Amino acid sequence: MAVPKRKQTPSRTGMRRSQNMKLSSKNIVEDKKSGEYRLSHHMDLKTGTYKGRQVLDPKD
């Protein structure tokens, strides 16, 4: 069974992980009511709604 000779440095580990993160994109969705783009599982700041419920007063 193959075993590494030396421990991989945190720098090398970070470089490897950065390549994986480069391809992933944010989960941006279009709001059904306002048509604005927002992150999924986040409330809409313009209307103040989350999952169809009014959470905050809308921004002016």
N, C-alpha and C. Protein backbone atom coordinates (compact mmCIF):
# COMPACT_ATOMS: atom_id res chain seq x y z
N MET A 1 0.84 -1.18 0.00
CA MET A 1 0.00 0.00 0.00
C MET A 1 0.88 1.24 0.00
N ALA A 2 0.55 2.22 -0.81
CA ALA A 2 1.36 3.44 -0.93
C ALA A 2 1.12 4.36 0.26
N VAL A 3 2.21 4.84 0.83
CA VAL A 3 2.15 5.75 1.97
C VAL A 3 3.02 6.96 1.65
N PRO A 4 2.53 8.18 1.87
CA PRO A 4 3.35 9.36 1.57
C PRO A 4 4.58 9.43 2.48
N LYS A 5 5.69 9.89 1.90
CA LYS A 5 6.93 9.99 2.68
C LYS A 5 6.87 11.14 3.69
N ARG A 6 6.27 12.26 3.27
CA ARG A 6 6.22 13.44 4.13
C ARG A 6 4.81 13.98 4.24
N LYS A 7 4.59 14.69 5.32
CA LYS A 7 3.28 15.35 5.53
C LYS A 7 3.14 16.50 4.53
N GLN A 8 1.96 16.62 3.95
CA GLN A 8 1.73 17.70 3.00
C GLN A 8 1.56 19.02 3.77
N THR A 9 2.22 20.07 3.30
CA THR A 9 2.20 21.35 4.01
C THR A 9 0.83 22.01 3.87
N PRO A 10 0.46 22.89 4.81
CA PRO A 10 -0.81 23.60 4.70
C PRO A 10 -0.90 24.44 3.43
N SER A 11 0.24 24.95 2.98
CA SER A 11 0.25 25.74 1.75
C SER A 11 -0.15 24.89 0.55
N ARG A 12 0.42 23.69 0.46
CA ARG A 12 0.08 22.77 -0.64
C ARG A 12 -1.39 22.37 -0.57
N THR A 13 -1.86 22.10 0.64
CA THR A 13 -3.26 21.71 0.81
C THR A 13 -4.18 22.83 0.33
N GLY A 14 -3.82 24.07 0.70
CA GLY A 14 -4.62 25.23 0.28
C GLY A 14 -4.61 25.41 -1.23
N MET A 15 -3.45 25.17 -1.85
CA MET A 15 -3.36 25.30 -3.32
C MET A 15 -4.26 24.28 -4.00
N ARG A 16 -4.28 23.06 -3.48
CA ARG A 16 -5.13 22.02 -4.06
C ARG A 16 -6.60 22.38 -3.90
N ARG A 17 -6.97 22.83 -2.71
CA ARG A 17 -8.36 23.17 -2.44
C ARG A 17 -8.83 24.37 -3.26
N SER A 18 -7.91 25.30 -3.52
CA SER A 18 -8.30 26.50 -4.27
C SER A 18 -8.72 26.14 -5.70
N GLN A 19 -8.12 25.10 -6.25
CA GLN A 19 -8.50 24.67 -7.60
C GLN A 19 -9.92 24.11 -7.60
N ASN A 20 -10.31 23.44 -6.52
CA ASN A 20 -11.66 22.90 -6.44
C ASN A 20 -12.67 24.00 -6.26
N MET A 21 -12.34 25.03 -5.49
CA MET A 21 -13.27 26.12 -5.21
C MET A 21 -13.47 27.01 -6.43
N LYS A 22 -12.48 27.01 -7.33
CA LYS A 22 -12.52 27.90 -8.48
C LYS A 22 -13.72 27.59 -9.38
N LEU A 23 -14.09 26.34 -9.47
CA LEU A 23 -15.15 25.94 -10.39
C LEU A 23 -16.55 26.14 -9.81
N SER A 24 -16.65 26.15 -8.48
CA SER A 24 -17.98 26.25 -7.89
C SER A 24 -18.52 27.68 -8.00
N SER A 25 -19.79 27.80 -8.25
CA SER A 25 -20.41 29.12 -8.37
C SER A 25 -21.40 29.32 -7.24
N LYS A 26 -21.72 30.56 -6.97
CA LYS A 26 -22.68 30.87 -5.92
C LYS A 26 -24.07 30.43 -6.39
N ASN A 27 -24.92 30.10 -5.45
CA ASN A 27 -26.27 29.65 -5.79
C ASN A 27 -27.20 30.87 -5.84
N ILE A 28 -27.16 31.56 -6.95
CA ILE A 28 -27.96 32.76 -7.15
C ILE A 28 -29.27 32.36 -7.83
N VAL A 29 -30.38 32.83 -7.26
CA VAL A 29 -31.69 32.53 -7.82
C VAL A 29 -32.44 33.83 -8.06
N GLU A 30 -33.41 33.78 -8.94
CA GLU A 30 -34.24 34.95 -9.22
C GLU A 30 -35.47 34.89 -8.32
N ASP A 31 -35.76 36.01 -7.66
CA ASP A 31 -36.91 36.08 -6.76
C ASP A 31 -38.19 36.05 -7.60
N LYS A 32 -39.18 35.28 -7.15
CA LYS A 32 -40.40 35.10 -7.94
C LYS A 32 -41.25 36.36 -7.99
N LYS A 33 -41.33 37.08 -6.88
CA LYS A 33 -42.20 38.26 -6.85
C LYS A 33 -41.54 39.50 -7.43
N SER A 34 -40.32 39.81 -6.96
CA SER A 34 -39.69 41.07 -7.38
C SER A 34 -38.86 40.92 -8.65
N GLY A 35 -38.42 39.70 -8.97
CA GLY A 35 -37.59 39.50 -10.16
C GLY A 35 -36.12 39.82 -9.91
N GLU A 36 -35.76 40.20 -8.70
CA GLU A 36 -34.38 40.51 -8.36
C GLU A 36 -33.61 39.22 -8.11
N TYR A 37 -32.30 39.28 -8.32
CA TYR A 37 -31.44 38.14 -8.04
C TYR A 37 -30.97 38.22 -6.60
N ARG A 38 -30.91 37.06 -5.94
CA ARG A 38 -30.46 36.99 -4.56
C ARG A 38 -29.88 35.61 -4.32
N LEU A 39 -29.16 35.45 -3.21
CA LEU A 39 -28.65 34.14 -2.85
C LEU A 39 -29.79 33.29 -2.31
N SER A 40 -29.78 32.00 -2.64
CA SER A 40 -30.82 31.14 -2.12
C SER A 40 -30.66 31.00 -0.61
N HIS A 41 -31.73 30.76 0.10
CA HIS A 41 -31.77 30.67 1.55
C HIS A 41 -31.42 32.00 2.22
N HIS A 42 -31.58 33.11 1.51
CA HIS A 42 -31.39 34.44 2.07
C HIS A 42 -32.66 35.24 1.80
N MET A 43 -32.93 36.21 2.65
CA MET A 43 -34.13 37.00 2.43
C MET A 43 -33.87 38.09 1.39
N ASP A 44 -34.93 38.54 0.76
CA ASP A 44 -34.86 39.60 -0.23
C ASP A 44 -34.86 40.93 0.50
N LEU A 45 -33.80 41.71 0.36
CA LEU A 45 -33.67 42.96 1.11
C LEU A 45 -34.61 44.04 0.59
N LYS A 46 -34.94 43.99 -0.69
CA LYS A 46 -35.82 45.04 -1.24
C LYS A 46 -37.25 44.91 -0.73
N THR A 47 -37.75 43.67 -0.70
CA THR A 47 -39.14 43.49 -0.25
C THR A 47 -39.22 43.08 1.21
N GLY A 48 -38.13 42.57 1.79
CA GLY A 48 -38.13 42.15 3.18
C GLY A 48 -38.85 40.84 3.42
N THR A 49 -38.92 39.99 2.40
CA THR A 49 -39.61 38.71 2.54
C THR A 49 -38.62 37.56 2.54
N TYR A 50 -39.04 36.47 3.18
CA TYR A 50 -38.28 35.23 3.18
C TYR A 50 -39.28 34.08 3.16
N LYS A 51 -39.16 33.21 2.17
CA LYS A 51 -40.06 32.07 1.98
C LYS A 51 -41.52 32.51 1.94
N GLY A 52 -41.79 33.64 1.29
CA GLY A 52 -43.16 34.10 1.12
C GLY A 52 -43.73 34.83 2.31
N ARG A 53 -42.98 34.97 3.41
CA ARG A 53 -43.45 35.66 4.59
C ARG A 53 -42.76 37.00 4.72
N GLN A 54 -43.45 38.00 5.23
CA GLN A 54 -42.90 39.32 5.47
C GLN A 54 -42.08 39.27 6.76
N VAL A 55 -40.75 39.47 6.67
CA VAL A 55 -39.89 39.38 7.83
C VAL A 55 -39.51 40.76 8.33
N LEU A 56 -39.14 41.65 7.41
CA LEU A 56 -38.76 43.03 7.74
C LEU A 56 -39.59 44.01 6.95
N ASP A 57 -39.59 45.26 7.42
CA ASP A 57 -40.22 46.31 6.63
C ASP A 57 -39.37 46.54 5.38
N PRO A 58 -40.01 46.72 4.21
CA PRO A 58 -39.23 46.92 2.97
C PRO A 58 -38.41 48.19 3.02
N LYS A 59 -37.24 48.15 2.37
CA LYS A 59 -36.37 49.32 2.28
C LYS A 59 -36.99 50.35 1.35
N ASP A 60 -36.80 51.60 1.67
CA ASP A 60 -37.30 52.68 0.79
C ASP A 60 -36.29 53.04 -0.26
